[in-house]
N, C-alpha and C. Protein backbone atom coordinates (compact mmCIF):
# COMPACT_ATOMS: atom_id res chain seq x y z
N MET A 1 5.14 9.29 8.68
CA MET A 1 4.37 8.13 8.18
C MET A 1 4.82 7.20 8.26
N THR A 2 6.16 6.65 9.21
CA THR A 2 5.81 5.40 10.73
C THR A 2 4.68 5.03 11.06
N ILE A 3 4.05 6.42 12.22
CA ILE A 3 3.13 6.25 12.73
C ILE A 3 2.14 5.90 12.30
N LEU A 4 1.44 6.74 11.46
CA LEU A 4 0.35 6.53 10.63
C LEU A 4 -0.18 4.91 9.80
N ALA A 5 1.36 4.93 9.20
CA ALA A 5 1.66 3.72 8.51
C ALA A 5 1.39 2.39 9.72
N THR A 6 1.84 2.49 10.90
CA THR A 6 2.00 1.51 12.16
C THR A 6 1.19 1.51 12.43
N LEU A 7 0.11 1.96 12.62
CA LEU A 7 -2.01 2.03 13.08
C LEU A 7 -2.75 1.71 11.77
N ILE A 8 -2.15 2.24 10.73
CA ILE A 8 -3.55 1.11 9.48
C ILE A 8 -2.63 -0.11 9.43
N ALA A 9 -1.26 -0.05 9.62
CA ALA A 9 -1.10 -1.92 10.08
C ALA A 9 -2.12 -2.17 10.94
N ALA A 10 -1.55 -2.27 11.51
CA ALA A 10 -2.24 -2.58 12.95
C ALA A 10 -3.55 -3.23 13.17
N TYR A 11 -3.99 -1.85 12.46
CA TYR A 11 -6.27 -1.50 12.18
C TYR A 11 -5.93 -2.42 10.65
N ALA A 12 -5.38 -2.91 10.26
CA ALA A 12 -5.86 -3.98 8.88
C ALA A 12 -5.74 -5.79 9.61
N ILE A 13 -4.46 -5.81 9.78
CA ILE A 13 -3.87 -7.35 10.74
C ILE A 13 -5.17 -7.74 11.87
N THR A 14 -5.56 -6.86 12.60
CA THR A 14 -6.36 -7.38 13.49
C THR A 14 -7.54 -7.07 13.00
N SER A 15 -8.40 -6.16 12.19
CA SER A 15 -9.44 -6.54 11.83
C SER A 15 -10.28 -8.35 10.52
N ALA A 16 -8.67 -8.73 10.31
CA ALA A 16 -8.84 -9.91 9.37
C ALA A 16 -8.21 -10.48 10.99
N LEU A 17 -7.77 -10.94 11.60
CA LEU A 17 -8.19 -12.12 12.61
C LEU A 17 -8.33 -11.84 13.84
N VAL A 18 -9.54 -10.76 14.14
CA VAL A 18 -10.33 -10.70 15.23
C VAL A 18 -11.49 -10.53 14.74
N PRO A 19 -12.87 -11.38 14.27
CA PRO A 19 -13.78 -11.30 14.03
C PRO A 19 -14.39 -10.05 14.49
N GLY A 20 -14.39 -10.50 15.57
CA GLY A 20 -15.28 -9.38 16.58
C GLY A 20 -15.28 -7.82 17.02
N LEU A 21 -14.31 -7.80 16.37
CA LEU A 21 -13.18 -6.00 16.11
C LEU A 21 -13.87 -5.52 14.72
N ARG A 22 -14.11 -6.71 13.80
CA ARG A 22 -14.79 -5.51 12.57
C ARG A 22 -15.84 -5.32 12.33
N GLY A 23 -15.04 -4.18 11.05
CA GLY A 23 -16.41 -3.02 11.54
C GLY A 23 -17.53 -4.29 9.91
N SER A 24 -18.40 -3.08 9.84
CA SER A 24 -19.68 -3.53 9.28
C SER A 24 -18.88 -3.82 7.56
N PHE A 25 -18.17 -2.58 6.65
CA PHE A 25 -17.69 -2.94 5.33
C PHE A 25 -16.58 -4.39 6.01
N VAL A 26 -16.16 -4.13 6.51
CA VAL A 26 -15.22 -5.24 6.66
C VAL A 26 -15.87 -6.67 6.81
N VAL A 27 -16.84 -6.44 7.80
CA VAL A 27 -17.50 -8.23 8.10
C VAL A 27 -18.10 -8.92 6.62
N ASP A 28 -19.34 -7.99 6.09
CA ASP A 28 -19.73 -7.74 5.21
C ASP A 28 -17.93 -8.34 3.31
N LEU A 29 -16.86 -7.92 3.43
CA LEU A 29 -16.22 -7.88 3.15
C LEU A 29 -15.79 -9.62 2.98
N PHE A 30 -15.74 -10.25 4.39
CA PHE A 30 -15.13 -11.36 4.10
C PHE A 30 -16.03 -12.73 4.56
N ALA A 31 -17.27 -11.61 4.51
CA ALA A 31 -19.07 -12.41 4.16
C ALA A 31 -19.17 -13.14 2.55
N LEU A 32 -18.06 -12.15 1.42
CA LEU A 32 -18.07 -12.67 -0.05
C LEU A 32 -17.32 -12.72 -0.11
N LYS A 33 -16.28 -12.48 0.95
CA LYS A 33 -14.05 -13.30 -0.01
C LYS A 33 -13.81 -12.91 1.09
N ALA A 34 -13.65 -13.69 1.61
CA ALA A 34 -13.17 -14.12 2.29
C ALA A 34 -11.17 -14.32 3.06
N PHE A 35 -10.83 -14.87 2.14
CA PHE A 35 -9.67 -15.55 1.29
C PHE A 35 -9.24 -14.46 1.02
N ARG A 36 -9.42 -14.00 -0.31
CA ARG A 36 -8.51 -12.34 -0.09
C ARG A 36 -8.71 -11.44 0.39
N SER A 37 -10.14 -11.28 1.06
CA SER A 37 -9.47 -9.95 2.29
C SER A 37 -8.78 -10.72 3.22
N PHE A 38 -8.55 -11.60 3.62
CA PHE A 38 -7.52 -11.75 4.72
C PHE A 38 -6.48 -11.57 3.86
N GLY A 39 -5.76 -12.25 2.78
CA GLY A 39 -4.52 -12.02 2.18
C GLY A 39 -4.48 -10.41 2.08
N HIS A 40 -5.46 -9.65 1.21
CA HIS A 40 -5.16 -8.03 1.61
C HIS A 40 -5.09 -7.72 2.24
N LEU A 41 -5.55 -7.36 3.73
CA LEU A 41 -5.68 -7.23 4.93
C LEU A 41 -4.61 -7.66 5.42
N VAL A 42 -3.51 -8.81 6.09
CA VAL A 42 -3.30 -9.28 6.87
C VAL A 42 -1.53 -9.52 5.59
N PHE A 43 -1.86 -9.24 4.90
CA PHE A 43 -0.16 -9.47 4.35
C PHE A 43 0.34 -7.10 3.62
N GLY A 44 -0.40 -6.81 3.51
CA GLY A 44 -1.17 -5.64 2.94
C GLY A 44 -0.80 -5.03 4.24
N GLY A 45 -1.11 -5.59 5.61
CA GLY A 45 -0.85 -4.70 6.98
C GLY A 45 0.85 -5.04 7.26
N VAL A 46 1.33 -6.21 6.79
CA VAL A 46 3.28 -6.64 7.27
C VAL A 46 3.41 -5.91 5.87
N ALA A 47 3.32 -6.04 4.67
CA ALA A 47 4.16 -4.41 4.16
C ALA A 47 3.85 -3.48 4.44
N LEU A 48 3.25 -2.71 5.08
CA LEU A 48 2.60 -0.70 5.28
C LEU A 48 3.58 -0.74 6.68
N PHE A 49 3.59 -1.78 7.37
CA PHE A 49 4.76 -1.52 7.84
C PHE A 49 6.13 -2.30 8.26
N THR A 50 6.89 -2.89 7.65
CA THR A 50 8.38 -3.70 6.96
C THR A 50 8.42 -1.98 5.79
N GLY A 51 7.54 -1.88 5.37
CA GLY A 51 7.97 -0.93 3.74
C GLY A 51 7.80 0.25 4.46
N ALA A 52 7.66 0.64 5.21
CA ALA A 52 8.01 1.80 6.69
C ALA A 52 9.86 2.30 7.13
N LEU A 53 10.13 1.15 7.76
CA LEU A 53 10.98 0.36 8.06
C LEU A 53 11.67 0.12 6.98
N GLN A 54 11.66 0.22 5.83
CA GLN A 54 13.22 0.30 4.73
C GLN A 54 13.33 1.85 4.50
N PHE A 55 12.92 2.36 4.84
CA PHE A 55 13.16 3.81 5.05
C PHE A 55 13.86 4.79 6.10
N SER A 56 14.51 4.12 6.84
CA SER A 56 15.89 3.74 7.39
C SER A 56 17.07 4.24 7.56
N ALA A 57 18.03 5.53 6.53
CA ALA A 57 19.44 5.03 6.46
C ALA A 57 19.64 4.19 7.58
N ARG A 58 19.65 4.50 8.94
CA ARG A 58 20.25 3.62 9.17
C ARG A 58 19.93 2.55 9.58
N LEU A 59 19.14 2.02 9.33
CA LEU A 59 19.12 0.25 9.22
C LEU A 59 19.55 0.36 7.77
N ARG A 60 19.62 1.22 6.89
CA ARG A 60 20.12 0.13 5.40
C ARG A 60 21.79 0.55 5.53
N PHE A 61 22.17 1.18 6.54
CA PHE A 61 23.58 0.77 6.06
C PHE A 61 24.32 0.62 7.53
N ALA A 62 23.23 0.96 8.64
CA ALA A 62 24.57 0.25 10.11
C ALA A 62 24.33 -1.61 9.98
N ARG A 63 22.40 -2.57 9.39
CA ARG A 63 22.14 -3.57 8.96
C ARG A 63 21.35 -3.74 7.73
N PRO A 64 22.75 -3.87 7.28
CA PRO A 64 22.15 -4.06 5.57
C PRO A 64 21.35 -5.41 5.30
N ALA A 65 21.83 -6.66 6.48
CA ALA A 65 21.27 -8.37 6.38
C ALA A 65 19.98 -7.56 6.48
N VAL A 66 19.35 -6.96 7.75
CA VAL A 66 18.08 -6.61 8.57
C VAL A 66 17.27 -6.13 6.88
N HIS A 67 17.93 -5.24 6.86
CA HIS A 67 17.45 -4.23 5.20
C HIS A 67 16.89 -5.40 4.57
N ARG A 68 17.78 -6.27 4.40
CA ARG A 68 17.71 -6.98 3.02
C ARG A 68 16.52 -8.50 3.35
N PHE A 69 16.32 -8.41 4.45
CA PHE A 69 15.13 -9.48 5.29
C PHE A 69 13.96 -9.18 4.99
N LEU A 70 13.89 -7.97 5.57
CA LEU A 70 12.90 -6.64 5.68
C LEU A 70 12.56 -6.81 4.18
N GLY A 71 13.24 -6.62 3.13
CA GLY A 71 12.77 -6.08 1.82
C GLY A 71 11.86 -7.94 0.73
N LYS A 72 12.93 -8.37 1.39
CA LYS A 72 12.40 -9.62 0.78
C LYS A 72 11.13 -9.60 1.48
N ILE A 73 10.89 -9.65 2.66
CA ILE A 73 9.09 -9.45 3.19
C ILE A 73 8.28 -8.73 2.91
N TYR A 74 8.87 -7.87 1.92
CA TYR A 74 7.90 -6.62 1.41
C TYR A 74 7.53 -7.37 0.65
N VAL A 75 8.69 -7.52 -0.17
CA VAL A 75 8.45 -7.64 -1.79
C VAL A 75 7.12 -8.75 -1.75
N LEU A 76 7.32 -10.21 -0.54
CA LEU A 76 7.09 -11.73 -0.76
C LEU A 76 4.95 -11.53 -0.35
N THR A 77 4.51 -9.67 1.00
CA THR A 77 3.58 -9.70 0.85
C THR A 77 3.13 -8.75 0.34
N VAL A 78 3.35 -8.18 -0.45
CA VAL A 78 3.34 -7.20 -1.88
C VAL A 78 2.77 -8.08 -2.61
N LEU A 79 3.30 -8.98 -3.09
CA LEU A 79 3.37 -9.42 -4.23
C LEU A 79 1.36 -10.31 -3.41
N VAL A 80 1.17 -10.78 -2.50
CA VAL A 80 0.08 -11.42 -2.09
C VAL A 80 -0.97 -11.25 -1.65
N SER A 81 -0.83 -9.40 -1.12
CA SER A 81 -1.86 -8.38 -0.60
C SER A 81 -2.23 -7.42 -1.94
N GLY A 82 -1.59 -7.25 -3.03
CA GLY A 82 -1.39 -6.98 -4.46
C GLY A 82 -2.78 -7.40 -5.07
N THR A 83 -2.04 -8.82 -5.91
CA THR A 83 -2.42 -9.94 -6.45
C THR A 83 -3.99 -10.19 -5.47
N SER A 84 -4.50 -10.37 -4.36
CA SER A 84 -5.82 -10.08 -3.28
C SER A 84 -6.72 -8.79 -4.37
N ALA A 85 -5.57 -8.10 -3.30
CA ALA A 85 -6.62 -6.22 -3.86
C ALA A 85 -6.61 -7.12 -5.52
N ALA A 86 -6.24 -7.23 -6.15
CA ALA A 86 -6.51 -7.21 -7.48
C ALA A 86 -8.26 -8.35 -8.40
N LEU A 87 -7.80 -8.82 -7.52
CA LEU A 87 -8.91 -9.87 -7.46
C LEU A 87 -10.02 -9.08 -6.26
N LEU A 88 -10.05 -8.12 -5.58
CA LEU A 88 -11.18 -7.66 -5.06
C LEU A 88 -11.51 -6.88 -5.73
N ALA A 89 -10.96 -5.81 -6.82
CA ALA A 89 -11.19 -5.02 -7.62
C ALA A 89 -11.79 -5.02 -7.69
N PRO A 90 -12.52 -5.92 -9.21
CA PRO A 90 -13.74 -5.85 -9.84
C PRO A 90 -14.85 -5.99 -9.31
N THR A 91 -15.54 -6.38 -7.60
CA THR A 91 -16.63 -6.28 -6.47
C THR A 91 -16.34 -5.64 -5.44
N SER A 92 -15.75 -4.93 -5.75
CA SER A 92 -15.64 -2.91 -4.58
C SER A 92 -16.80 -2.28 -4.87
N THR A 93 -17.05 -1.95 -3.55
CA THR A 93 -18.07 -1.01 -2.81
C THR A 93 -17.92 0.14 -4.07
N GLY A 94 -18.57 0.76 -5.10
CA GLY A 94 -18.55 1.40 -5.02
C GLY A 94 -18.86 2.02 -6.65
N GLY A 95 -18.63 0.87 -7.57
CA GLY A 95 -18.95 1.41 -8.71
C GLY A 95 -18.19 0.34 -9.96
N VAL A 96 -17.89 0.76 -11.25
CA VAL A 96 -17.24 0.64 -12.34
C VAL A 96 -15.61 2.07 -11.77
N THR A 97 -16.36 3.19 -11.61
CA THR A 97 -15.46 3.70 -11.03
C THR A 97 -13.96 3.31 -10.31
N ALA A 98 -14.95 3.01 -8.93
CA ALA A 98 -13.72 2.81 -8.50
C ALA A 98 -13.31 0.88 -8.61
N HIS A 99 -13.70 0.21 -9.13
CA HIS A 99 -12.98 -0.84 -10.04
C HIS A 99 -12.33 -0.59 -10.43
N PHE A 100 -11.89 0.31 -11.58
CA PHE A 100 -10.90 0.84 -12.09
C PHE A 100 -9.08 1.23 -11.65
N GLY A 101 -9.96 1.57 -10.54
CA GLY A 101 -9.60 2.79 -9.61
C GLY A 101 -8.68 1.84 -9.31
N PHE A 102 -8.74 0.97 -7.72
CA PHE A 102 -7.93 0.03 -6.84
C PHE A 102 -7.67 -1.73 -7.70
N GLY A 103 -8.31 -0.94 -8.98
CA GLY A 103 -7.48 -2.40 -10.17
C GLY A 103 -6.24 -1.45 -10.51
N MET A 104 -6.30 -0.31 -10.77
CA MET A 104 -5.04 -0.01 -11.39
C MET A 104 -3.58 0.21 -10.20
N LEU A 105 -4.64 0.25 -9.11
CA LEU A 105 -3.57 0.30 -7.46
C LEU A 105 -2.81 -0.75 -7.18
N ALA A 106 -3.78 -1.32 -7.84
CA ALA A 106 -3.66 -3.13 -7.21
C ALA A 106 -1.99 -3.39 -8.47
N LEU A 107 -2.29 -2.60 -9.85
CA LEU A 107 -1.97 -2.78 -10.53
C LEU A 107 -0.27 -2.19 -10.25
N LEU A 108 -0.19 -1.44 -10.32
CA LEU A 108 0.70 -0.97 -10.38
C LEU A 108 1.80 -0.87 -9.14
N TRP A 109 0.64 -1.39 -8.12
CA TRP A 109 1.86 -1.81 -6.77
C TRP A 109 2.36 -2.73 -6.82
N LEU A 110 1.70 -3.89 -7.87
CA LEU A 110 2.08 -4.76 -7.26
C LEU A 110 3.94 -4.48 -9.06
N GLY A 111 3.62 -3.97 -10.15
CA GLY A 111 4.69 -3.63 -11.09
C GLY A 111 5.31 -3.27 -10.56
N SER A 112 5.05 -2.06 -9.52
CA SER A 112 6.35 -0.97 -9.19
C SER A 112 7.14 -2.39 -8.62
N THR A 113 6.51 -2.80 -7.10
CA THR A 113 7.33 -3.16 -6.48
C THR A 113 7.76 -4.46 -7.65
N VAL A 114 7.36 -5.65 -8.21
CA VAL A 114 8.38 -5.92 -9.60
C VAL A 114 9.86 -5.88 -9.77
N ALA A 115 9.26 -4.50 -10.56
CA ALA A 115 10.65 -3.86 -10.38
C ALA A 115 11.79 -3.50 -9.87
N ALA A 116 11.05 -3.35 -8.99
CA ALA A 116 12.17 -2.50 -7.58
C ALA A 116 12.97 -4.30 -6.91
N TRP A 117 12.28 -5.05 -7.55
CA TRP A 117 12.94 -6.10 -6.97
C TRP A 117 13.93 -6.37 -7.96
N VAL A 118 13.55 -6.40 -9.34
CA VAL A 118 14.71 -6.67 -10.26
C VAL A 118 16.07 -5.99 -10.50
N THR A 119 15.96 -4.54 -10.06
CA THR A 119 16.55 -4.17 -9.84
C THR A 119 17.53 -3.73 -8.83
N VAL A 120 17.23 -4.48 -8.04
CA VAL A 120 18.35 -4.52 -6.83
C VAL A 120 19.07 -5.54 -6.67
N ARG A 121 18.13 -7.00 -7.80
CA ARG A 121 19.02 -7.76 -8.13
C ARG A 121 19.98 -8.39 -9.20
N ARG A 122 19.65 -7.13 -9.99
CA ARG A 122 20.45 -6.53 -11.16
C ARG A 122 22.19 -5.49 -10.75
N GLY A 123 21.57 -5.71 -9.75
CA GLY A 123 22.44 -4.36 -8.39
C GLY A 123 22.47 -3.03 -8.89
N GLU A 124 21.41 -2.75 -9.61
CA GLU A 124 20.86 -1.40 -9.98
C GLU A 124 20.03 -0.17 -9.03
N TYR A 125 21.25 -0.32 -7.38
CA TYR A 125 20.46 0.38 -6.63
C TYR A 125 19.70 1.56 -6.43
N ASP A 126 20.39 2.60 -7.18
CA ASP A 126 19.44 4.08 -7.08
C ASP A 126 18.24 3.65 -8.69
N LEU A 127 18.11 2.89 -9.28
CA LEU A 127 17.06 2.64 -10.01
C LEU A 127 15.64 2.08 -8.54
N HIS A 128 16.78 0.78 -7.86
CA HIS A 128 16.12 -0.18 -7.24
C HIS A 128 15.19 1.42 -5.98
N ARG A 129 15.74 2.20 -5.57
CA ARG A 129 15.66 3.45 -4.94
C ARG A 129 14.19 3.84 -5.13
N VAL A 130 14.78 3.90 -6.52
CA VAL A 130 13.52 4.74 -7.59
C VAL A 130 12.19 4.00 -7.04
N TRP A 131 12.27 2.61 -7.50
CA TRP A 131 10.99 1.61 -7.39
C TRP A 131 10.58 1.69 -6.37
N MET A 132 11.45 1.60 -5.09
CA MET A 132 10.21 1.17 -4.24
C MET A 132 10.03 2.67 -3.17
N ILE A 133 10.74 3.60 -3.61
CA ILE A 133 9.86 5.08 -3.61
C ILE A 133 8.39 4.76 -4.34
N ARG A 134 8.21 4.92 -5.95
CA ARG A 134 7.32 4.25 -5.95
C ARG A 134 5.89 3.32 -5.11
N SER A 135 6.62 2.12 -5.19
CA SER A 135 6.12 1.04 -4.61
C SER A 135 4.66 1.43 -3.47
N TYR A 136 6.28 2.34 -2.86
CA TYR A 136 5.54 2.74 -0.85
C TYR A 136 4.56 3.83 -1.26
N ALA A 137 4.62 4.25 -2.33
CA ALA A 137 3.57 5.35 -2.36
C ALA A 137 2.49 5.13 -2.67
N LEU A 138 2.49 3.92 -3.69
CA LEU A 138 1.62 2.70 -3.53
C LEU A 138 0.35 2.44 -2.26
N CYS A 139 1.70 1.89 -1.55
CA CYS A 139 1.18 0.87 -0.21
C CYS A 139 0.76 1.65 0.31
N LEU A 140 0.70 3.56 0.72
CA LEU A 140 0.84 3.98 1.46
C LEU A 140 -1.02 4.42 1.04
N ALA A 141 -1.21 4.08 0.23
CA ALA A 141 -3.11 4.46 -0.29
C ALA A 141 -3.64 3.89 0.73
N ALA A 142 -3.57 2.99 1.38
CA ALA A 142 -3.81 2.26 2.95
C ALA A 142 -4.49 3.22 3.54
N VAL A 143 -3.06 4.24 3.78
CA VAL A 143 -3.26 5.26 4.92
C VAL A 143 -4.42 6.43 4.38
N THR A 144 -3.78 6.42 3.40
CA THR A 144 -4.33 8.09 2.67
C THR A 144 -6.41 7.52 2.91
N LEU A 145 -6.65 7.03 1.98
CA LEU A 145 -7.87 6.60 2.00
C LEU A 145 -8.34 6.36 3.04
N ARG A 146 -8.14 6.06 4.64
CA ARG A 146 -8.70 6.35 5.81
C ARG A 146 -8.26 7.02 6.53
N LEU A 147 -7.56 8.01 5.34
CA LEU A 147 -7.32 10.16 6.01
C LEU A 147 -8.50 10.38 5.00
N TYR A 148 -8.95 10.28 3.89
CA TYR A 148 -10.07 10.92 2.93
C TYR A 148 -11.18 10.60 3.46
N LEU A 149 -11.90 9.25 3.66
CA LEU A 149 -13.26 9.10 4.29
C LEU A 149 -13.55 9.77 5.87
N PRO A 150 -12.97 9.69 6.34
CA PRO A 150 -13.50 10.84 8.04
C PRO A 150 -13.57 11.72 7.32
N VAL A 151 -12.91 12.76 6.08
CA VAL A 151 -12.72 13.94 5.78
C VAL A 151 -13.79 14.20 4.95
N ALA A 152 -14.71 13.66 3.57
CA ALA A 152 -15.37 13.03 2.95
C ALA A 152 -16.78 12.79 3.45
N GLY A 153 -16.51 12.58 5.73
CA GLY A 153 -17.74 12.24 5.74
C GLY A 153 -17.99 13.95 6.29
N ILE A 154 -17.47 14.44 7.60
CA ILE A 154 -16.89 15.85 7.77
C ILE A 154 -17.41 16.70 6.42
N ALA A 155 -17.51 16.63 5.29
CA ALA A 155 -17.26 17.49 4.32
C ALA A 155 -19.06 17.53 4.09
N GLY A 156 -19.43 16.72 5.04
CA GLY A 156 -21.18 16.22 4.30
C GLY A 156 -20.98 15.37 3.13
N ILE A 157 -20.17 14.59 2.47
CA ILE A 157 -19.71 13.64 1.29
C ILE A 157 -20.48 12.99 1.63
N PRO A 158 -22.28 11.72 0.81
CA PRO A 158 -22.27 10.84 0.48
C PRO A 158 -21.20 10.02 1.17
N PHE A 159 -20.85 8.81 0.73
CA PHE A 159 -20.03 7.77 0.83
C PHE A 159 -20.36 7.24 -0.56
N GLU A 160 -21.42 7.10 -1.05
CA GLU A 160 -21.77 7.16 -2.09
C GLU A 160 -21.19 6.99 -3.20
N ALA A 161 -20.81 9.06 -3.34
CA ALA A 161 -20.38 9.86 -3.76
C ALA A 161 -18.89 9.74 -4.08
N SER A 162 -18.08 9.59 -2.06
CA SER A 162 -17.36 9.92 -2.52
C SER A 162 -16.28 8.71 -2.57
N TYR A 163 -16.57 7.88 -2.30
CA TYR A 163 -16.11 6.65 -2.99
C TYR A 163 -15.22 5.96 -3.87
N PRO A 164 -16.15 5.67 -4.82
CA PRO A 164 -15.66 6.00 -6.36
C PRO A 164 -14.53 7.25 -6.92
N ALA A 165 -14.01 8.13 -5.23
CA ALA A 165 -13.78 9.49 -5.84
C ALA A 165 -12.25 9.10 -5.13
N ILE A 166 -12.45 8.55 -4.19
CA ILE A 166 -11.37 8.18 -2.93
C ILE A 166 -10.99 6.55 -3.52
N ALA A 167 -11.48 6.04 -4.54
CA ALA A 167 -10.73 4.92 -4.91
C ALA A 167 -9.43 4.80 -5.75
N TRP A 168 -9.70 6.09 -6.40
CA TRP A 168 -8.28 7.18 -6.90
C TRP A 168 -7.56 8.12 -6.14
N LEU A 169 -8.29 9.20 -5.73
CA LEU A 169 -7.96 9.82 -4.80
C LEU A 169 -6.55 9.32 -3.77
N CYS A 170 -7.03 7.54 -3.16
CA CYS A 170 -5.97 7.96 -1.62
C CYS A 170 -4.88 6.95 -2.92
N TRP A 171 -4.43 7.31 -4.35
CA TRP A 171 -2.62 7.20 -4.28
C TRP A 171 -2.60 7.59 -5.42
N VAL A 172 -2.93 8.16 -6.85
CA VAL A 172 -2.81 8.45 -7.22
C VAL A 172 -2.10 10.44 -6.91
N PRO A 173 -2.72 10.49 -6.29
CA PRO A 173 -1.53 12.11 -5.59
C PRO A 173 -0.33 11.43 -4.88
N ASN A 174 -0.38 10.46 -3.89
CA ASN A 174 0.68 9.79 -3.53
C ASN A 174 1.84 9.73 -4.87
N LEU A 175 1.21 9.29 -6.08
CA LEU A 175 2.40 8.69 -6.46
C LEU A 175 2.88 9.68 -7.25
N VAL A 176 1.62 10.69 -7.11
CA VAL A 176 2.73 12.99 -7.88
C VAL A 176 3.80 13.02 -6.94
N VAL A 177 3.63 12.89 -5.71
CA VAL A 177 4.47 13.31 -4.72
C VAL A 177 5.86 12.65 -4.77
N ALA A 178 5.77 11.27 -5.42
CA ALA A 178 6.57 10.43 -5.18
C ALA A 178 7.24 10.46 -5.97
N GLU A 179 6.30 11.23 -8.07
CA GLU A 179 7.24 11.62 -8.31
C GLU A 179 8.27 12.62 -8.58
N TRP A 180 7.29 13.29 -7.70
CA TRP A 180 7.74 15.19 -7.47
C TRP A 180 9.40 14.68 -6.71
N PHE A 181 9.09 13.60 -5.67
CA PHE A 181 10.64 14.03 -5.12
C PHE A 181 11.27 13.71 -5.70
N VAL A 182 10.91 12.67 -6.26
CA VAL A 182 12.45 11.89 -7.35
C VAL A 182 12.83 12.91 -8.01
N ALA A 183 11.71 13.56 -8.95
CA ALA A 183 12.29 14.39 -9.70
C ALA A 183 13.57 15.42 -9.23
N GLY A 184 13.17 16.10 -8.31
CA GLY A 184 13.87 16.97 -6.68
C GLY A 184 14.72 16.82 -6.30
N SER A 185 15.11 15.19 -6.40
CA SER A 185 16.60 15.28 -5.53
C SER A 185 16.68 14.72 -6.75
N SER A 186 18.52 14.15 -6.04
CA SER A 186 19.79 14.08 -5.92
C SER A 186 20.21 12.80 -6.68
N MET A 187 18.99 11.53 -5.54
CA MET A 187 19.10 11.25 -6.59
C MET A 187 20.76 10.37 -6.32
N ALA A 188 21.40 10.81 -4.92
CA ALA A 188 22.36 9.81 -4.57
C ALA A 188 22.69 8.83 -4.58
N PRO A 189 23.92 8.03 -5.47
CA PRO A 189 24.13 6.70 -5.41
C PRO A 189 24.54 6.12 -3.91
N LEU A 190 24.21 5.44 -3.33
CA LEU A 190 23.74 4.83 -2.09
C LEU A 190 25.28 4.59 -1.46
N GLU A 191 26.11 4.11 -2.77
CA GLU A 191 27.31 3.17 -2.06
C GLU A 191 28.57 4.42 -1.97
């Protein structure tokens, strides 16, 4: 998870910051919606990377101040990237099906992250952990989307047909797995 998250985070940040390395899809996105695209890619890349680090038990217990600092970065970057994504969703490639898929992803990502922040502020660490698992499962849609796209291409499914489905497939299974994990684990208290 951490390796894939780091690679996709580097890709997102690089494509936003280095115009010469953008693929045609990202070039078109920036031509029409530069500010939103920048916010989504750069801040989403940082969220993807910092979120992966947050799952390290060693970091949480040995360096709680670092865990809290990275958590604040994660929440702030999700707020920017998720808001940018919500603004991009109604004009995404793939028509109404994709618009709703990406829009729901953005809203659930924002909502689960805010819930994680609220619960940690209340000292409800077990609930915080559950909400962070949900939030990061949604964040990982950036990775699963980039796994499904080439698989669809190899399967011979045209982009126009696969992309609307991938707008849902990139996050719904992630959230199902997260819920399965939460339901199946003891979620023992962290303290």
